[in-house]
C-alpha atoms as a PDB file:
ATOM      1  CA  UNK A   1      86.866  42.699 141.708  1.00  0.00           C
ATOM      2  CA  UNK A   2      84.117  43.631 139.279  1.00  0.00           C
ATOM      3  CA  UNK A   3      84.603  47.246 140.315  1.00  0.00           C
ATOM      4  CA  UNK A   4      88.333  47.111 139.584  1.00  0.00           C
ATOM      5  CA  UNK A   5      87.768  45.501 136.166  1.00  0.00           C
ATOM      6  CA  UNK A   6      85.441  48.283 135.185  1.00  0.00           C
ATOM      7  CA  UNK A   7      88.049  50.771 136.265  1.00  0.00           C
ATOM      8  CA  UNK A   8      90.526  49.340 133.746  1.00  0.00           C
ATOM      9  CA  UNK A   9      91.149  51.339 130.642  1.00  0.00           C
ATOM     10  CA  UNK A  10      89.069  50.234 127.725  1.00  0.00           C
ATOM     11  CA  UNK A  11      92.172  49.173 125.794  1.00  0.00           C
ATOM     12  CA  UNK A  12      93.233  46.816 128.590  1.00  0.00           C
ATOM     13  CA  UNK A  13      89.793  45.314 128.806  1.00  0.00           C
ATOM     14  CA  UNK A  14      89.807  44.654 125.054  1.00  0.00           C
ATOM     15  CA  UNK A  15      93.232  43.028 125.270  1.00  0.00           C
ATOM     16  CA  UNK A  16      91.975  40.737 128.068  1.00  0.00           C
ATOM     17  CA  UNK A  17      88.929  39.714 126.050  1.00  0.00           C
ATOM     18  CA  UNK A  18      91.101  38.979 123.011  1.00  0.00           C
ATOM     19  CA  UNK A  19      93.462  36.944 125.205  1.00  0.00           C
ATOM     20  CA  UNK A  20      90.591  34.900 126.665  1.00  0.00           C
ATOM     21  CA  UNK A  21      89.149  34.329 123.196  1.00  0.00           C
ATOM     22  CA  UNK A  22      92.565  33.244 121.945  1.00  0.00           C
ATOM     23  CA  UNK A  23      92.900  30.775 124.840  1.00  0.00           C
ATOM     24  CA  UNK A  24      89.448  29.319 124.153  1.00  0.00           C
ATOM     25  CA  UNK A  25      90.220  29.048 120.447  1.00  0.00           C
ATOM     26  CA  UNK A  26      93.556  27.352 121.201  1.00  0.00           C
ATOM     27  CA  UNK A  27      91.806  24.841 123.484  1.00  0.00           C
ATOM     28  CA  UNK A  28      89.201  24.165 120.808  1.00  0.00           C
ATOM     29  CA  UNK A  29      91.865  23.606 118.141  1.00  0.00           C
ATOM     30  CA  UNK A  30      93.786  21.308 120.449  1.00  0.00           C
ATOM     31  CA  UNK A  31      90.768  19.176 121.357  1.00  0.00           C
ATOM     32  CA  UNK A  32      89.308  18.988 117.869  1.00  0.00           C
ATOM     33  CA  UNK A  33      92.387  18.871 115.659  1.00  0.00           C
ATOM     34  CA  UNK A  34      95.670  18.426 117.506  1.00  0.00           C
ATOM     35  CA  UNK A  35      94.700  15.842 120.137  1.00  0.00           C
ATOM     36  CA  UNK A  36      93.254  13.289 117.641  1.00  0.00           C
ATOM     37  CA  UNK A  37      96.344  13.671 115.435  1.00  0.00           C
ATOM     38  CA  UNK A  38      98.593  13.260 118.433  1.00  0.00           C
ATOM     39  CA  UNK A  39      96.647  10.156 119.487  1.00  0.00           C
ATOM     40  CA  UNK A  40      96.921   8.718 115.966  1.00  0.00           C
ATOM     41  CA  UNK A  41     100.629   9.415 115.992  1.00  0.00           C
ATOM     42  CA  UNK A  42     101.028   7.683 119.344  1.00  0.00           C
ATOM     43  CA  UNK A  43      99.002   4.656 118.171  1.00  0.00           C
ATOM     44  CA  UNK A  44     100.990   4.496 114.946  1.00  0.00           C
ATOM     45  CA  UNK A  45     104.258   4.549 116.881  1.00  0.00           C
ATOM     46  CA  UNK A  46     102.989   1.757 119.145  1.00  0.00           C
ATOM     47  CA  UNK A  47     101.924  -0.322 116.136  1.00  0.00           C
ATOM     48  CA  UNK A  48     105.268   0.279 114.460  1.00  0.00           C
ATOM     49  CA  UNK A  49     107.126  -0.729 117.616  1.00  0.00           C
ATOM     50  CA  UNK A  50     105.009  -3.875 117.942  1.00  0.00           C
ATOM     51  CA  UNK A  51     105.513  -4.792 114.278  1.00  0.00           C
ATOM     52  CA  UNK A  52     109.226  -4.094 114.519  1.00  0.00           C
ATOM     53  CA  UNK A  53     109.486  -6.316 117.596  1.00  0.00           C
ATOM     54  CA  UNK A  54     107.654  -9.158 115.839  1.00  0.00           C
ATOM     55  CA  UNK A  55     109.882  -8.749 112.798  1.00  0.00           C
ATOM     56  CA  UNK A  56     113.008  -8.900 114.947  1.00  0.00           C
ATOM     57  CA  UNK A  57     111.740 -12.058 116.655  1.00  0.00           C
ATOM     58  CA  UNK A  58     110.761 -13.709 113.369  1.00  0.00           C
ATOM     59  CA  UNK A  59     112.903 -15.290 110.670  1.00  0.00           C
ATOM     60  CA  UNK A  60     111.776 -12.810 107.998  1.00  0.00           C
ATOM     61  CA  UNK A  61     114.555 -10.741 106.414  1.00  0.00           C
ATOM     62  CA  UNK A  62     114.663  -7.039 107.237  1.00  0.00           C
ATOM     63  CA  UNK A  63     115.826  -6.095 103.784  1.00  0.00           C
ATOM     64  CA  UNK A  64     112.953  -4.429 101.886  1.00  0.00           C
ATOM     65  CA  UNK A  65     114.210  -5.630  98.504  1.00  0.00           C
ATOM     66  CA  UNK A  66     114.343  -9.204  99.765  1.00  0.00           C
ATOM     67  CA  UNK A  67     110.846  -8.872 101.161  1.00  0.00           C
ATOM     68  CA  UNK A  68     109.570  -7.559  97.812  1.00  0.00           C
ATOM     69  CA  UNK A  69     111.172 -10.535  96.084  1.00  0.00           C
ATOM     70  CA  UNK A  70     109.515 -12.964  98.476  1.00  0.00           C
ATOM     71  CA  UNK A  71     106.162 -11.188  98.076  1.00  0.00           C
ATOM     72  CA  UNK A  72     106.392 -11.493  94.287  1.00  0.00           C
ATOM     73  CA  UNK A  73     107.249 -15.175  94.587  1.00  0.00           C
ATOM     74  CA  UNK A  74     104.331 -15.900  96.909  1.00  0.00           C
ATOM     75  CA  UNK A  75     101.919 -13.925  94.737  1.00  0.00           C
ATOM     76  CA  UNK A  76     103.034 -16.008  91.773  1.00  0.00           C
ATOM     77  CA  UNK A  77     102.339 -19.198  93.726  1.00  0.00           C
ATOM     78  CA  UNK A  78      98.961 -17.823  94.784  1.00  0.00           C
ATOM     79  CA  UNK A  79      97.776 -16.473  91.429  1.00  0.00           C
ATOM     80  CA  UNK A  80      99.703 -18.597  88.954  1.00  0.00           C
ATOM     81  CA  UNK A  81      97.597 -19.423  85.894  1.00  0.00           C
ATOM     82  CA  UNK A  82      98.651 -23.064  85.620  1.00  0.00           C
ATOM     83  CA  UNK A  83      98.952 -24.175  89.236  1.00  0.00           C
ATOM     84  CA  UNK A  84      98.083 -21.240  91.458  1.00  0.00           C
ATOM     85  CA  UNK A  85      96.658 -21.958  94.870  1.00  0.00           C
ATOM     86  CA  UNK A  86      93.758 -19.592  94.235  1.00  0.00           C
ATOM     87  CA  UNK A  87      92.782 -21.412  91.040  1.00  0.00           C
ATOM     88  CA  UNK A  88      93.189 -24.744  92.791  1.00  0.00           C
ATOM     89  CA  UNK A  89      90.900 -23.595  95.613  1.00  0.00           C
ATOM     90  CA  UNK A  90      88.287 -22.263  93.195  1.00  0.00           C
ATOM     91  CA  UNK A  91      88.329 -25.487  91.172  1.00  0.00           C
ATOM     92  CA  UNK A  92      88.043 -27.632  94.294  1.00  0.00           C
ATOM     93  CA  UNK A  93      85.173 -25.548  95.656  1.00  0.00           C
ATOM     94  CA  UNK A  94      83.421 -25.585  92.286  1.00  0.00           C
ATOM     95  CA  UNK A  95      83.730 -29.344  92.084  1.00  0.00           C
ATOM     96  CA  UNK A  96      82.539 -29.849  95.642  1.00  0.00           C
ATOM     97  CA  UNK A  97      79.428 -27.666  95.210  1.00  0.00           C
ATOM     98  CA  UNK A  98      78.356 -28.362  91.627  1.00  0.00           C
ATOM     99  CA  UNK A  99      76.672 -31.749  92.052  1.00  0.00           C
ATOM    100  CA  UNK A 100      73.193 -30.279  91.544  1.00  0.00           C
ATOM    101  CA  UNK A 101      74.078 -27.580  88.995  1.00  0.00           C
ATOM    102  CA  UNK A 102      72.924 -29.558  85.956  1.00  0.00           C
ATOM    103  CA  UNK A 103      69.580 -30.400  87.559  1.00  0.00           C
ATOM    104  CA  UNK A 104      69.048 -26.815  88.701  1.00  0.00           C
ATOM    105  CA  UNK A 105      69.796 -25.448  85.230  1.00  0.00           C
ATOM    106  CA  UNK A 106      67.507 -28.010  83.571  1.00  0.00           C
ATOM    107  CA  UNK A 107      64.545 -27.476  85.903  1.00  0.00           C
ATOM    108  CA  UNK A 108      64.901 -23.780  86.818  1.00  0.00           C
ATOM    109  CA  UNK A 109      67.178 -22.229  84.204  1.00  0.00           C
ATOM    110  CA  UNK A 110      69.533 -20.636  86.735  1.00  0.00           C
ATOM    111  CA  UNK A 111      70.578 -20.730  90.370  1.00  0.00           C
ATOM    112  CA  UNK A 112      68.838 -17.385  90.956  1.00  0.00           C
ATOM    113  CA  UNK A 113      65.492 -18.779  89.794  1.00  0.00           C
ATOM    114  CA  UNK A 114      66.003 -21.921  91.849  1.00  0.00           C
ATOM    115  CA  UNK A 115      66.593 -20.040  95.088  1.00  0.00           C
ATOM    116  CA  UNK A 116      63.868 -17.476  94.470  1.00  0.00           C
ATOM    117  CA  UNK A 117      61.071 -19.579  92.950  1.00  0.00           C
ATOM    118  CA  UNK A 118      61.354 -22.941  94.722  1.00  0.00           C
ATOM    119  CA  UNK A 119      58.049 -23.462  96.550  1.00  0.00           C
ATOM    120  CA  UNK A 120      56.322 -25.733  99.038  1.00  0.00           C
ATOM    121  CA  UNK A 121      54.245 -27.188  96.198  1.00  0.00           C
ATOM    122  CA  UNK A 122      57.366 -28.173  94.273  1.00  0.00           C
ATOM    123  CA  UNK A 123      58.891 -29.683  97.399  1.00  0.00           C
ATOM    124  CA  UNK A 124      55.741 -31.743  98.092  1.00  0.00           C
ATOM    125  CA  UNK A 125      55.568 -32.919  94.472  1.00  0.00           C
ATOM    126  CA  UNK A 126      59.219 -33.990  94.376  1.00  0.00           C
ATOM    127  CA  UNK A 127      58.970 -35.631  97.796  1.00  0.00           C
ATOM    128  CA  UNK A 128      55.982 -37.707  96.635  1.00  0.00           C
ATOM    129  CA  UNK A 129      57.867 -38.744  93.494  1.00  0.00           C
ATOM    130  CA  UNK A 130      60.944 -39.776  95.457  1.00  0.00           C
ATOM    131  CA  UNK A 131      58.845 -41.610  98.043  1.00  0.00           C
ATOM    132  CA  UNK A 132      56.965 -43.507  95.305  1.00  0.00           C
ATOM    133  CA  UNK A 133      60.231 -44.399  93.596  1.00  0.00           C
ATOM    134  CA  UNK A 134      61.715 -45.690  96.860  1.00  0.00           C
ATOM    135  CA  UNK A 135      58.646 -47.797  97.603  1.00  0.00           C
ATOM    136  CA  UNK A 136      58.991 -49.528  94.240  1.00  0.00           C
ATOM    137  CA  UNK A 137      62.553 -50.614  94.941  1.00  0.00           C
ATOM    138  CA  UNK A 138      63.235 -54.228  95.856  1.00  0.00           C
ATOM    139  CA  UNK A 139      62.951 -54.405  98.783  1.00  0.00           C
ATOM    140  CA  UNK A 140      60.742 -51.373  99.195  1.00  0.00           C
ATOM    141  CA  UNK A 141      62.036 -48.324 101.064  1.00  0.00           C
ATOM    142  CA  UNK A 142      59.439 -46.491 103.112  1.00  0.00           C
ATOM    143  CA  UNK A 143      60.104 -43.020 104.500  1.00  0.00           C
ATOM    144  CA  UNK A 144      58.466 -42.196 107.832  1.00  0.00           C
ATOM    145  CA  UNK A 145      58.378 -38.606 109.057  1.00  0.00           C
ATOM    146  CA  UNK A 146      59.397 -39.642 112.590  1.00  0.00           C
ATOM    147  CA  UNK A 147      62.662 -40.942 111.142  1.00  0.00           C
ATOM    148  CA  UNK A 148      63.185 -38.903 107.998  1.00  0.00           C
ATOM    149  CA  UNK A 149      62.405 -35.602 109.716  1.00  0.00           C
ATOM    150  CA  UNK A 150      61.003 -33.642 106.782  1.00  0.00           C
ATOM    151  CA  UNK A 151      57.696 -32.440 108.179  1.00  0.00           C
ATOM    152  CA  UNK A 152      56.444 -28.910 108.678  1.00  0.00           C
ATOM    153  CA  UNK A 153      58.130 -28.668 112.083  1.00  0.00           C
ATOM    154  CA  UNK A 154      61.569 -29.170 110.559  1.00  0.00           C
ATOM    155  CA  UNK A 155      61.046 -27.134 107.386  1.00  0.00           C
ATOM    156  CA  UNK A 156      63.871 -24.842 106.353  1.00  0.00           C
ATOM    157  CA  UNK A 157      63.245 -21.115 106.026  1.00  0.00           C
ATOM    158  CA  UNK A 158      64.050 -21.307 102.308  1.00  0.00           C
ATOM    159  CA  UNK A 159      62.189 -23.921 100.247  1.00  0.00           C
ATOM    160  CA  UNK A 160      65.131 -24.468  97.920  1.00  0.00           C
ATOM    161  CA  UNK A 161      67.035 -25.848 100.908  1.00  0.00           C
ATOM    162  CA  UNK A 162      64.338 -28.481 101.404  1.00  0.00           C
ATOM    163  CA  UNK A 163      64.735 -29.505  97.765  1.00  0.00           C
ATOM    164  CA  UNK A 164      68.477 -29.840  98.337  1.00  0.00           C
ATOM    165  CA  UNK A 165      67.699 -32.250 101.178  1.00  0.00           C
ATOM    166  CA  UNK A 166      65.516 -34.357  98.894  1.00  0.00           C
ATOM    167  CA  UNK A 167      68.099 -34.456  96.116  1.00  0.00           C
ATOM    168  CA  UNK A 168      70.886 -35.396  98.535  1.00  0.00           C
ATOM    169  CA  UNK A 169      68.759 -38.191  99.982  1.00  0.00           C
ATOM    170  CA  UNK A 170      67.829 -39.484  96.543  1.00  0.00           C
ATOM    171  CA  UNK A 171      71.435 -39.446  95.334  1.00  0.00           C
ATOM    172  CA  UNK A 172      72.766 -41.163  98.457  1.00  0.00           C
ATOM    173  CA  UNK A 173      70.134 -43.914  98.543  1.00  0.00           C
ATOM    174  CA  UNK A 174      70.366 -44.699  94.823  1.00  0.00           C
ATOM    175  CA  UNK A 175      74.142 -44.882  95.067  1.00  0.00           C
ATOM    176  CA  UNK A 176      73.890 -47.332  97.969  1.00  0.00           C
ATOM    177  CA  UNK A 177      71.437 -49.518  96.042  1.00  0.00           C
ATOM    178  CA  UNK A 178      73.717 -49.491  92.992  1.00  0.00           C
ATOM    179  CA  UNK A 179      76.395 -51.104  95.160  1.00  0.00           C
ATOM    180  CA  UNK A 180      74.048 -53.841  96.415  1.00  0.00           C
ATOM    181  CA  UNK A 181      73.622 -52.389  99.899  1.00  0.00           C
ATOM    182  CA  UNK A 182      70.275 -52.571 101.694  1.00  0.00           C
ATOM    183  CA  UNK A 183      68.661 -49.790 103.699  1.00  0.00           C
ATOM    184  CA  UNK A 184      68.099 -50.836 107.308  1.00  0.00           C
ATOM    185  CA  UNK A 185      64.653 -50.357 108.857  1.00  0.00           C
ATOM    186  CA  UNK A 186      63.258 -49.598 112.292  1.00  0.00           C
ATOM    187  CA  UNK A 187      60.510 -52.148 112.930  1.00  0.00           C
ATOM    188  CA  UNK A 188      59.194 -50.144 115.880  1.00  0.00           C
ATOM    189  CA  UNK A 189      58.129 -47.304 113.581  1.00  0.00           C
ATOM    190  CA  UNK A 190      55.817 -48.081 110.678  1.00  0.00           C
ATOM    191  CA  UNK A 191      53.974 -46.278 107.937  1.00  0.00           C
ATOM    192  CA  UNK A 192      50.286 -45.543 108.277  1.00  0.00           C
ATOM    193  CA  UNK A 193      47.612 -48.264 107.755  1.00  0.00           C
ATOM    194  CA  UNK A 194      46.163 -50.041 105.848  1.00  0.00           C
ATOM    195  CA  UNK A 195      49.553 -51.339 104.681  1.00  0.00           C
ATOM    196  CA  UNK A 196      52.039 -50.502 107.433  1.00  0.00           C
ATOM    197  CA  UNK A 197      55.711 -51.013 106.608  1.00  0.00           C
ATOM    198  CA  UNK A 198      58.803 -50.581 108.798  1.00  0.00           C
ATOM    199  CA  UNK A 199      60.316 -47.126 108.384  1.00  0.00           C
ATOM    200  CA  UNK A 200      63.654 -46.851 106.604  1.00  0.00           C
ATOM    201  CA  UNK A 201      66.561 -45.539 108.696  1.00  0.00           C
ATOM    202  CA  UNK A 202      67.099 -42.445 106.582  1.00  0.00           C
ATOM    203  CA  UNK A 203      67.258 -39.033 108.253  1.00  0.00           C
ATOM    204  CA  UNK A 204      67.618 -35.612 106.647  1.00  0.00           C
ATOM    205  CA  UNK A 205      69.585 -33.619 109.218  1.00  0.00           C
ATOM    206  CA  UNK A 206      69.392 -29.812 109.613  1.00  0.00           C
ATOM    207  CA  UNK A 207      71.309 -27.854 106.998  1.00  0.00           C
ATOM    208  CA  UNK A 208      74.431 -26.065 108.207  1.00  0.00           C
ATOM    209  CA  UNK A 209      75.217 -22.591 106.908  1.00  0.00           C
ATOM    210  CA  UNK A 210      78.825 -21.431 106.899  1.00  0.00           C
ATOM    211  CA  UNK A 211      79.963 -17.810 106.785  1.00  0.00           C
ATOM    212  CA  UNK A 212      83.318 -16.154 106.204  1.00  0.00           C
ATOM    213  CA  UNK A 213      82.757 -13.113 108.434  1.00  0.00           C
ATOM    214  CA  UNK A 214      80.541 -12.748 111.460  1.00  0.00           C
ATOM    215  CA  UNK A 215      78.748  -9.759 109.951  1.00  0.00           C
ATOM    216  CA  UNK A 216      77.784 -11.616 106.752  1.00  0.00           C
ATOM    217  CA  UNK A 217      74.044 -11.822 106.178  1.00  0.00           C
ATOM    218  CA  UNK A 218      74.139 -14.586 103.567  1.00  0.00           C
ATOM    219  CA  UNK A 219      75.881 -17.955 103.870  1.00  0.00           C
ATOM    220  CA  UNK A 220      79.009 -18.638 101.907  1.00  0.00           C
ATOM    221  CA  UNK A 221      78.435 -22.391 101.842  1.00  0.00           C
ATOM    222  CA  UNK A 222      75.585 -24.786 102.678  1.00  0.00           C
ATOM    223  CA  UNK A 223      76.197 -28.293 103.982  1.00  0.00           C
ATOM    224  CA  UNK A 224      73.335 -30.772 103.490  1.00  0.00           C
ATOM    225  CA  UNK A 225      73.914 -33.813 105.747  1.00  0.00           C
ATOM    226  CA  UNK A 226      71.889 -37.034 105.484  1.00  0.00           C
ATOM    227  CA  UNK A 227      72.183 -40.009 107.826  1.00  0.00           C
ATOM    228  CA  UNK A 228      71.472 -43.491 106.494  1.00  0.00           C
ATOM    229  CA  UNK A 229      71.854 -46.967 107.980  1.00  0.00           C
ATOM    230  CA  UNK A 230      73.106 -49.586 105.506  1.00  0.00           C
ATOM    231  CA  UNK A 231      73.455 -53.367 105.587  1.00  0.00           C
ATOM    232  CA  UNK A 232      75.715 -55.482 103.430  1.00  0.00           C
ATOM    233  CA  UNK A 233      79.205 -56.813 102.920  1.00  0.00           C
ATOM    234  CA  UNK A 234      82.365 -54.875 103.569  1.00  0.00           C
ATOM    235  CA  UNK A 235      83.516 -55.050  99.933  1.00  0.00           C
ATOM    236  CA  UNK A 236      80.206 -53.568  98.784  1.00  0.00           C
ATOM    237  CA  UNK A 237      80.452 -50.796 101.352  1.00  0.00           C
ATOM    238  CA  UNK A 238      84.066 -50.028 100.387  1.00  0.00           C
ATOM    239  CA  UNK A 239      83.050 -49.614  96.726  1.00  0.00           C
ATOM    240  CA  UNK A 240      80.132 -47.417  97.810  1.00  0.00           C
ATOM    241  CA  UNK A 241      82.395 -45.106  99.843  1.00  0.00           C
ATOM    242  CA  UNK A 242      84.755 -44.849  96.883  1.00  0.00           C
ATOM    243  CA  UNK A 243      81.841 -43.821  94.651  1.00  0.00           C
ATOM    244  CA  UNK A 244      80.880 -40.996  97.020  1.00  0.00           C
ATOM    245  CA  UNK A 245      83.665 -38.901  95.493  1.00  0.00           C
ATOM    246  CA  UNK A 246      83.862 -39.054  91.712  1.00  0.00           C
ATOM    247  CA  UNK A 247      83.763 -36.660  88.771  1.00  0.00           C
ATOM    248  CA  UNK A 248      80.015 -36.090  89.225  1.00  0.00           C
ATOM    249  CA  UNK A 249      79.466 -36.899  92.909  1.00  0.00           C
ATOM    250  CA  UNK A 250      80.876 -35.261  96.029  1.00  0.00           C
ATOM    251  CA  UNK A 251      79.294 -36.485  99.263  1.00  0.00           C
ATOM    252  CA  UNK A 252      82.113 -37.196 101.715  1.00  0.00           C
ATOM    253  CA  UNK A 253      81.475 -39.244 104.838  1.00  0.00           C
ATOM    254  CA  UNK A 254      81.262 -37.053 107.953  1.00  0.00           C
ATOM    255  CA  UNK A 255      80.491 -39.744 110.535  1.00  0.00           C
ATOM    256  CA  UNK A 256      80.547 -43.523 110.528  1.00  0.00           C
ATOM    257  CA  UNK A 257      79.530 -46.324 112.893  1.00  0.00           C
ATOM    258  CA  UNK A 258      79.974 -49.994 111.947  1.00  0.00           C
ATOM    259  CA  UNK A 259      78.313 -52.898 113.744  1.00  0.00           C
ATOM    260  CA  UNK A 260      78.739 -56.577 112.939  1.00  0.00           C
ATOM    261  CA  UNK A 261      77.461 -59.902 114.193  1.00  0.00           C
ATOM    262  CA  UNK A 262      79.817 -62.202 115.999  1.00  0.00           C
ATOM    263  CA  UNK A 263      81.242 -64.369 113.183  1.00  0.00           C
ATOM    264  CA  UNK A 264      80.795 -68.132 113.207  1.00  0.00           C
ATOM    265  CA  UNK A 265      84.295 -69.633 113.501  1.00  0.00           C
ATOM    266  CA  UNK A 266      83.252 -72.889 111.834  1.00  0.00           C
ATOM    267  CA  UNK A 267      81.749 -71.153 108.805  1.00  0.00           C
ATOM    268  CA  UNK A 268      84.025 -68.138 108.388  1.00  0.00           C
ATOM    269  CA  UNK A 269      87.437 -69.529 109.237  1.00  0.00           C
ATOM    270  CA  UNK A 270      89.394 -69.471 105.997  1.00  0.00           C
ATOM    271  CA  UNK A 271      91.815 -72.181 105.062  1.00  0.00           C
ATOM    272  CA  UNK A 272      95.394 -71.266 105.933  1.00  0.00           C
ATOM    273  CA  UNK A 273      94.119 -68.067 107.505  1.00  0.00           C
ATOM    274  CA  UNK A 274      93.517 -67.172 111.130  1.00  0.00           C
ATOM    275  CA  UNK A 275      91.191 -64.206 110.409  1.00  0.00           C
ATOM    276  CA  UNK A 276      87.491 -64.405 111.146  1.00  0.00           C
ATOM    277  CA  UNK A 277      85.368 -62.648 108.534  1.00  0.00           C
ATOM    278  CA  UNK A 278      81.783 -61.455 108.951  1.00  0.00           C
ATOM    279  CA  UNK A 279      79.744 -60.577 105.863  1.00  0.00           C
ATOM    280  CA  UNK A 280      76.867 -59.083 107.843  1.00  0.00           C
ATOM    281  CA  UNK A 281      77.575 -55.429 108.574  1.00  0.00           C
ATOM    282  CA  UNK A 282      75.277 -52.643 109.727  1.00  0.00           C
ATOM    283  CA  UNK A 283      76.833 -49.268 108.947  1.00  0.00           C
ATOM    284  CA  UNK A 284      75.388 -45.924 109.965  1.00  0.00           C
ATOM    285  CA  UNK A 285      76.959 -43.026 108.092  1.00  0.00           C
ATOM    286  CA  UNK A 286      76.370 -39.315 107.714  1.00  0.00           C
ATOM    287  CA  UNK A 287      77.222 -37.986 104.266  1.00  0.00           C
ATOM    288  CA  UNK A 288      77.019 -34.358 103.213  1.00  0.00           C
ATOM    289  CA  UNK A 289      76.436 -32.645  99.921  1.00  0.00           C
ATOM    290  CA  UNK A 290      77.470 -29.006  99.539  1.00  0.00           C
ATOM    291  CA  UNK A 291      75.934 -26.045  97.757  1.00  0.00           C
ATOM    292  CA  UNK A 292      77.239 -22.509  97.320  1.00  0.00           C
ATOM    293  CA  UNK A 293      74.435 -19.927  97.105  1.00  0.00           C
ATOM    294  CA  UNK A 294      74.742 -17.012  94.740  1.00  0.00           C
ATOM    295  CA  UNK A 295      74.978 -14.071  97.123  1.00  0.00           C
ATOM    296  CA  UNK A 296      73.892 -11.584  94.423  1.00  0.00           C
ATOM    297  CA  UNK A 297      70.760 -13.486  93.474  1.00  0.00           C
ATOM    298  CA  UNK A 298      69.499 -14.770  96.796  1.00  0.00           C
ATOM    299  CA  UNK A 299      67.318 -12.614  99.001  1.00  0.00           C
ATOM    300  CA  UNK A 300      69.012 -12.796 102.374  1.00  0.00           C
ATOM    301  CA  UNK A 301      66.984 -14.325 105.190  1.00  0.00           C
ATOM    302  CA  UNK A 302      68.292 -15.336 108.620  1.00  0.00           C
ATOM    303  CA  UNK A 303      69.498 -18.928 108.735  1.00  0.00           C
ATOM    304  CA  UNK A 304      68.801 -21.178 111.685  1.00  0.00           C
ATOM    305  CA  UNK A 305      72.341 -22.500 111.918  1.00  0.00           C
ATOM    306  CA  UNK A 306      75.178 -20.051 111.431  1.00  0.00           C
ATOM    307  CA  UNK A 307      78.824 -20.798 112.128  1.00  0.00           C
ATOM    308  CA  UNK A 308      82.211 -19.802 110.895  1.00  0.00           C
ATOM    309  CA  UNK A 309      83.623 -21.683 107.963  1.00  0.00           C
ATOM    310  CA  UNK A 310      85.744 -24.534 109.349  1.00  0.00           C
ATOM    311  CA  UNK A 311      89.370 -24.965 108.312  1.00  0.00           C
ATOM    312  CA  UNK A 312      89.689 -26.894 105.079  1.00  0.00           C
ATOM    313  CA  UNK A 313      86.019 -26.606 104.141  1.00  0.00           C
END
């Protein structure tokens, strides 16, 4: 065969080489340029067919002008200046996460400084102040690490988060005391000698970090939960729960457990009333404060607890 090819006239051999080169070039163009475009066209047709099928099965009108009118109406509801849903959401989120803003601005000047410059020394100083203040309450409130859970083993990666735990605890406890509720104690766990006291049932739970997208490196929202066990009357507790959401406070109840003693029928039976009332309640609740980090100011570090933002948060 090689012998026959060499016997071809030179013109024929050149034509064959040009033809082979043209075929190779055509294959290259097809693979590099035409095939991807054809694939995109096929995918686009499939997407169009799927969208058209969904549109036919839905109640949406197929008239483009009607759709534009509906889009304009919904955008107005979303972005309206007076009552737009976007403004409502921003205001609600701002209210829910601004409980510590005044304190942060007073002590650190800005949220950026707070998140960047908060230190272990500041945390220890503020913890000692809060602990001393609690001990001087009547009756005294004594934090024990085994219950409160704020030792080195449970430290957050960012020190400002530990300060948020302290501030949430302080706010929650002081609010309970304002409404004449007592902090329950665990008599099995006591403070160190020489003056051991039962440890207060107050626990700073791990902070939860919420994200909007799985690839986000910084949290969109921080939830700071604190569990506390309270004792008192139901009316006092009801007023306390009401005070958890006000113009300056937002610490909604996440969990609740209520225990009561068996009421004494002779003492608690009301005249002309068949209800038995107990004034001795023990209520364990978990309340959460919320904080929204400034993504532009914070230096992103991996958070221990990452999860998608829950509906309605």
